[in-house]
Amino acid sequence: MQIYCSTFFCEFELEIEKIKNKTIDPICQAKEVIQYIELKLKELFKWLKKYIFNSVEDEIHFFKELKIKITSKYILYKKILEIELKSPSNSKKLKIRHLKKALDICYQFSKKDKEFYKYFRSGSSYNDHLYFIRNLGKQIINSDVILINFDKKLCTSHDLKLATIIANDILEIYLEEKIEQISNSCNTKHSAVKSKLIWTGTKIEMVELIYSLYYQKIFNGGKVEIKEIAEEFSRAFNIQLDNSIYRCFSDIKNRPDPKGKFLNGLSLNLDENINNEFD
C-alpha cells in the first residue's frame, strides 16, 4: 500500500498545482481540476477494490489520512465551481451577499454532527475503528457527490464527512479572501488617521475578547451586532477579522472547559502584576 499510495498522491498533488498555475480564472480552474480528480478517483477505486489491507491500522490510515487528500479536493472544487457559476456578475454588493451565504453554509455544516466535529478537531482516535473501517452492513451517509460514495467497498461511514470538513476549512478561507478583495475594491480611500496599535496576539484571542464584551453588553448598552464590534477592533488594532470571527468562535465553543483561556490568562496576569507591585 505504501509504495502505491506514495507515488499516487505525490503525482496527484503535483498535477493539481500545475493546473492551478495554468489559469487564475476560478471557473476554468475548478472545471479542469474536477475533470482530473474524477479520472484519479476511478483509478484509485479500481486499486482499492482489489487491495486487501494488511491490518486494521492500515485500513484506518488509508481512509482517515490518505483518501481524504483527493476526496476533500473533489468536494472543494465542486463547491467552488457551483458558487462561482451562480455568482452575480453586475453587482459587487450582490456578489458579497452571495459569498456570505455560501460562507454561512460552511459554518452550519459543523453543527450537523457536533460529536464527530469535536472528535476530529480534538485529534482523537479512540473511535477510529468505528469511523474509518469499512462495514458493508453499516449505513453510509448519502451524498450528492455520487462518484465518491457509490460503493460501500470504497468508503467508510465517516471518511466523506471528514473530507467535507477539510474541504469546508479551505473553502472558508477562499470565500473570506474573495469577500475581502471585493470589499476593499468598494471602499473609497479617505484620509482618516491610521491607528498605530498593532494586535500581536492571535485572531482567536481577539475573538474571545470581542465575544466576552459582546455578551457583557459593554457597548451601546448591548444594542450592537458582533460584526460591528469586530470591525471597530479591526480598525483600532490593524488586524483583519471579517467573517473569520465566526469560525474562530466555533473553535472556542468546541474547546474543553474552560472556554475563556485567553481571558483567564489576562485575569491571572493582572493579579500577579498588581500583587508584585505591593511586594
Protein backbone atom coordinates (compact mmCIF):
# COMPACT_ATOMS: atom_id res chain seq x y z
CA MET A 1 0.00 0.00 0.00
CA GLN A 2 2.72 2.44 0.99
CA ILE A 3 4.55 2.28 -2.34
CA TYR A 4 1.39 2.64 -4.45
CA CYS A 5 -0.13 5.42 -2.34
CA SER A 6 3.08 7.41 -2.00
CA THR A 7 3.50 7.51 -5.78
CA PHE A 8 -0.20 8.08 -6.46
CA PHE A 9 -0.67 11.00 -4.07
CA CYS A 10 2.65 12.63 -4.88
CA GLU A 11 1.81 12.69 -8.60
CA PHE A 12 -1.72 13.83 -7.76
CA GLU A 13 -0.57 16.87 -5.72
CA LEU A 14 1.96 17.90 -8.38
CA GLU A 15 -0.61 17.77 -11.16
CA ILE A 16 -3.15 19.78 -9.11
CA GLU A 17 -0.52 22.50 -8.62
CA LYS A 18 0.21 22.52 -12.37
CA ILE A 19 -3.48 23.02 -13.16
CA LYS A 20 -3.79 25.80 -10.57
CA ASN A 21 -0.77 27.59 -12.07
CA LYS A 22 -2.20 27.37 -15.59
CA THR A 23 -5.05 29.83 -15.04
CA ILE A 24 -6.31 32.21 -12.37
CA ASP A 25 -9.90 32.03 -13.62
CA PRO A 26 -11.72 30.12 -10.83
CA ILE A 27 -14.32 28.53 -13.12
CA CYS A 28 -11.81 27.22 -15.67
CA GLN A 29 -9.51 26.09 -12.87
CA ALA A 30 -12.29 24.26 -11.00
CA LYS A 31 -13.55 22.51 -14.14
CA GLU A 32 -10.09 21.22 -15.06
CA VAL A 33 -9.31 20.12 -11.50
CA ILE A 34 -12.63 18.27 -11.20
CA GLN A 35 -12.10 16.50 -14.52
CA TYR A 36 -8.62 15.38 -13.45
CA ILE A 37 -9.77 14.25 -9.97
CA GLU A 38 -12.59 12.17 -11.43
CA LEU A 39 -10.06 10.24 -13.50
CA LYS A 40 -7.80 9.73 -10.49
CA LEU A 41 -10.70 8.65 -8.26
CA LYS A 42 -11.63 5.93 -10.74
CA GLU A 43 -8.01 4.80 -10.82
CA LEU A 44 -7.76 4.78 -7.01
CA PHE A 45 -11.04 2.93 -6.57
CA LYS A 46 -10.05 0.30 -9.12
CA TRP A 47 -6.96 -0.42 -6.98
CA LEU A 48 -8.94 -0.28 -3.73
CA LYS A 49 -11.50 -2.86 -4.87
CA LYS A 50 -8.75 -5.46 -5.28
CA TYR A 51 -6.45 -4.47 -2.44
CA ILE A 52 -6.57 -6.28 0.92
CA PHE A 53 -5.20 -4.28 3.84
CA ASN A 54 -2.57 -5.99 5.99
CA SER A 55 -4.07 -4.70 9.21
CA VAL A 56 -6.90 -2.67 10.73
CA GLU A 57 -4.38 0.12 11.35
CA ASP A 58 -3.51 0.24 7.64
CA GLU A 59 -7.16 0.50 6.66
CA ILE A 60 -7.80 3.28 9.19
CA HIS A 61 -4.73 5.15 7.95
CA PHE A 62 -5.90 4.94 4.35
CA PHE A 63 -9.43 6.19 4.97
CA LYS A 64 -8.56 8.76 7.63
CA GLU A 65 -5.30 10.18 6.26
CA LEU A 66 -4.88 9.30 2.58
CA LYS A 67 -8.20 9.02 0.75
CA ILE A 68 -9.37 12.40 2.08
CA LYS A 69 -6.47 14.09 0.27
CA ILE A 70 -8.26 13.51 -3.01
CA THR A 71 -11.92 13.45 -1.92
CA SER A 72 -11.64 16.71 0.04
CA LYS A 73 -10.27 18.46 -3.06
CA TYR A 74 -13.03 17.00 -5.19
CA ILE A 75 -15.68 18.33 -2.79
CA LEU A 76 -13.88 21.69 -2.52
CA TYR A 77 -13.69 22.33 -6.26
CA LYS A 78 -17.25 21.13 -6.88
CA LYS A 79 -18.40 23.72 -4.34
CA ILE A 80 -16.17 26.46 -5.76
CA LEU A 81 -17.50 25.78 -9.26
CA GLU A 82 -21.11 25.94 -8.08
CA ILE A 83 -20.50 29.17 -6.12
CA GLU A 84 -18.68 30.88 -8.99
CA LEU A 85 -21.22 29.85 -11.62
CA LYS A 86 -24.07 31.27 -9.53
CA SER A 87 -22.23 34.45 -8.56
CA PRO A 88 -23.97 37.70 -9.70
CA SER A 89 -21.90 39.42 -12.37
CA ASN A 90 -23.17 43.01 -12.26
CA SER A 91 -23.21 44.00 -8.59
CA LYS A 92 -20.41 43.90 -6.02
CA LYS A 93 -22.95 44.17 -3.22
CA LEU A 94 -24.86 41.13 -4.51
CA LYS A 95 -21.58 39.23 -5.00
CA ILE A 96 -20.64 39.79 -1.37
CA ARG A 97 -24.11 38.70 -0.23
CA HIS A 98 -23.81 35.56 -2.38
CA LEU A 99 -20.38 34.72 -0.93
CA LYS A 100 -21.50 35.35 2.64
CA LYS A 101 -24.43 32.99 2.13
CA ALA A 102 -22.03 30.28 0.94
CA LEU A 103 -19.81 31.01 3.94
CA ASP A 104 -22.74 30.61 6.31
CA ILE A 105 -23.50 27.18 4.80
CA CYS A 106 -19.92 26.15 5.67
CA TYR A 107 -20.38 27.31 9.27
CA GLN A 108 -23.69 25.49 9.59
CA PHE A 109 -22.15 22.18 8.50
CA SER A 110 -20.14 21.95 11.72
CA LYS A 111 -23.40 21.97 13.68
CA LYS A 112 -24.87 18.95 11.89
CA ASP A 113 -22.75 16.36 13.70
CA LYS A 114 -21.15 18.14 16.66
CA GLU A 115 -19.90 14.90 18.18
CA PHE A 116 -17.82 13.90 15.16
CA TYR A 117 -16.74 17.52 14.53
CA LYS A 118 -15.34 17.74 18.08
CA TYR A 119 -13.79 14.29 17.68
CA PHE A 120 -11.86 15.41 14.60
CA ARG A 121 -10.90 18.86 15.92
CA SER A 122 -9.55 17.40 19.16
CA GLY A 123 -7.31 14.96 17.26
CA SER A 124 -9.00 11.95 18.87
CA SER A 125 -8.54 8.38 17.64
CA TYR A 126 -10.46 6.20 20.13
CA ASN A 127 -13.39 5.70 17.70
CA ASP A 128 -11.34 5.32 14.54
CA HIS A 129 -12.30 1.63 14.35
CA LEU A 130 -15.95 2.71 14.08
CA TYR A 131 -15.49 5.66 11.74
CA PHE A 132 -12.76 4.53 9.35
CA ILE A 133 -13.21 0.79 8.84
CA ARG A 134 -15.49 -0.41 6.06
CA ASN A 135 -18.63 -2.21 7.15
CA LEU A 136 -20.92 -3.43 4.41
CA GLY A 137 -23.86 -3.63 6.77
CA LYS A 138 -23.47 -0.09 8.06
CA GLN A 139 -25.47 2.88 6.85
CA ILE A 140 -23.36 5.08 4.60
CA ILE A 141 -24.02 8.81 4.61
CA ASN A 142 -25.96 9.79 1.49
CA SER A 143 -24.38 12.45 -0.66
CA ASP A 144 -24.83 14.12 -4.00
CA VAL A 145 -21.13 13.53 -4.61
CA ILE A 146 -22.04 10.23 -6.24
CA LEU A 147 -18.60 9.42 -7.60
CA ILE A 148 -17.15 9.32 -4.08
CA ASN A 149 -19.84 7.29 -2.36
CA PHE A 150 -21.19 4.90 -4.93
CA ASP A 151 -19.84 1.67 -3.39
CA LYS A 152 -19.65 0.61 0.26
CA LYS A 153 -16.45 -1.28 -0.52
CA LEU A 154 -14.81 2.05 -1.27
CA CYS A 155 -15.83 4.12 1.74
CA THR A 156 -16.46 4.06 5.48
CA SER A 157 -19.27 5.66 7.43
CA HIS A 158 -17.32 8.87 8.11
CA ASP A 159 -14.47 9.37 5.64
CA LEU A 160 -16.67 11.51 3.36
CA LYS A 161 -17.79 13.59 6.34
CA LEU A 162 -14.15 14.16 7.31
CA ALA A 163 -13.30 15.13 3.73
CA THR A 164 -16.17 17.63 3.77
CA ILE A 165 -14.91 19.24 6.99
CA ILE A 166 -11.45 19.65 5.44
CA ALA A 167 -12.93 20.98 2.19
CA ASN A 168 -15.02 23.50 4.15
CA ASP A 169 -11.96 24.71 6.06
CA ILE A 170 -10.24 25.59 2.79
CA LEU A 171 -13.44 26.94 1.23
CA GLU A 172 -13.98 29.30 4.19
CA ILE A 173 -10.54 30.83 3.62
CA TYR A 174 -11.25 31.09 -0.12
CA LEU A 175 -14.58 32.85 0.48
CA GLU A 176 -13.23 35.18 3.17
CA GLU A 177 -10.43 36.28 0.86
CA LYS A 178 -12.88 36.86 -2.02
CA ILE A 179 -15.16 38.92 0.23
CA GLU A 180 -12.19 40.95 1.46
CA GLN A 181 -10.99 41.61 -2.11
CA ILE A 182 -14.41 42.81 -3.25
CA SER A 183 -14.97 44.87 -0.09
CA ASN A 184 -11.59 46.57 -0.46
CA SER A 185 -12.34 47.44 -4.08
CA CYS A 186 -15.63 49.02 -2.96
CA ASN A 187 -14.16 51.15 -0.21
CA THR A 188 -13.24 54.71 -1.15
CA LYS A 189 -9.90 55.95 0.06
CA HIS A 190 -10.04 58.52 2.83
CA SER A 191 -7.54 60.44 4.91
CA ALA A 192 -8.52 59.05 8.28
CA VAL A 193 -5.60 58.68 10.69
CA LYS A 194 -4.48 55.06 10.90
CA SER A 195 -4.11 53.55 14.33
CA LYS A 196 -0.53 52.96 15.44
CA LEU A 197 -1.56 50.00 17.57
CA ILE A 198 -0.98 46.53 16.12
CA TRP A 199 -2.56 43.43 17.65
CA THR A 200 0.27 40.94 18.11
CA GLY A 201 -1.82 38.24 19.75
CA THR A 202 -3.73 35.62 17.79
CA LYS A 203 -7.03 36.15 16.00
CA ILE A 204 -8.75 33.62 18.21
CA GLU A 205 -7.63 35.55 21.31
CA MET A 206 -9.16 38.73 19.95
CA VAL A 207 -12.37 36.91 19.05
CA GLU A 208 -12.55 35.55 22.61
CA LEU A 209 -12.24 39.11 23.93
CA ILE A 210 -14.79 40.51 21.47
CA TYR A 211 -17.43 37.90 22.30
CA SER A 212 -16.88 38.41 26.04
CA LEU A 213 -17.51 42.15 25.68
CA TYR A 214 -20.50 41.45 23.42
CA TYR A 215 -22.13 39.07 25.91
CA GLN A 216 -21.41 41.54 28.74
CA LYS A 217 -23.25 44.24 26.70
CA ILE A 218 -20.36 46.67 27.20
CA PHE A 219 -21.00 48.68 24.02
CA ASN A 220 -24.13 50.77 23.35
CA GLY A 221 -25.99 49.02 26.15
CA GLY A 222 -25.85 45.76 24.23
CA LYS A 223 -27.56 47.21 21.15
CA VAL A 224 -24.80 46.40 18.72
CA GLU A 225 -24.04 43.44 16.47
CA ILE A 226 -20.98 41.27 16.97
CA LYS A 227 -19.75 42.12 13.46
CA GLU A 228 -19.82 45.86 14.22
CA ILE A 229 -17.63 45.34 17.28
CA ALA A 230 -15.25 43.17 15.22
CA GLU A 231 -14.98 45.87 12.53
CA GLU A 232 -14.05 48.51 15.14
CA PHE A 233 -11.45 46.21 16.68
CA SER A 234 -10.06 45.51 13.19
CA ARG A 235 -9.59 49.23 12.54
CA ALA A 236 -8.27 50.04 16.01
CA PHE A 237 -5.69 47.26 16.13
CA ASN A 238 -4.81 46.77 12.43
CA ILE A 239 -5.99 43.18 12.18
CA GLN A 240 -8.26 41.74 9.51
CA LEU A 241 -11.08 39.72 11.06
CA ASP A 242 -14.01 39.77 8.60
CA ASN A 243 -16.05 36.57 8.77
CA SER A 244 -13.21 34.59 10.37
CA ILE A 245 -14.70 35.66 13.74
CA TYR A 246 -17.43 33.05 13.30
CA ARG A 247 -15.01 30.25 12.53
CA CYS A 248 -12.77 31.24 15.46
CA PHE A 249 -15.77 31.36 17.77
CA SER A 250 -16.83 27.91 16.58
CA ASP A 251 -13.39 26.62 17.61
CA ILE A 252 -13.74 28.34 21.01
CA LYS A 253 -17.11 26.66 21.58
CA ASN A 254 -15.60 23.27 20.78
CA ARG A 255 -12.83 23.66 23.37
CA PRO A 256 -12.95 21.66 26.59
CA ASP A 257 -13.81 23.83 29.60
CA PRO A 258 -12.75 26.44 30.50
CA LYS A 259 -13.60 28.11 27.18
CA GLY A 260 -12.05 31.51 28.00
CA LYS A 261 -8.37 30.54 28.07
CA PHE A 262 -7.17 33.98 26.98
CA LEU A 263 -9.39 35.87 29.42
CA ASN A 264 -8.39 33.60 32.29
CA GLY A 265 -4.77 34.27 31.43
CA LEU A 266 -5.38 38.03 31.39
CA SER A 267 -7.01 37.88 34.82
CA LEU A 268 -4.19 35.84 36.34
CA ASN A 269 -1.55 38.08 34.79
CA LEU A 270 -3.27 41.22 36.10
CA ASP A 271 -3.49 39.82 39.65
CA GLU A 272 0.13 38.70 39.56
CA ASN A 273 1.48 42.07 38.40
CA ILE A 274 -0.66 44.07 40.84
CA ASN A 275 0.48 41.85 43.72
CA ASN A 276 4.10 42.20 42.62
CA GLU A 277 3.83 45.99 42.82
CA PHE A 278 2.98 45.75 46.50
CA ASP A 279 5.68 43.21 47.37
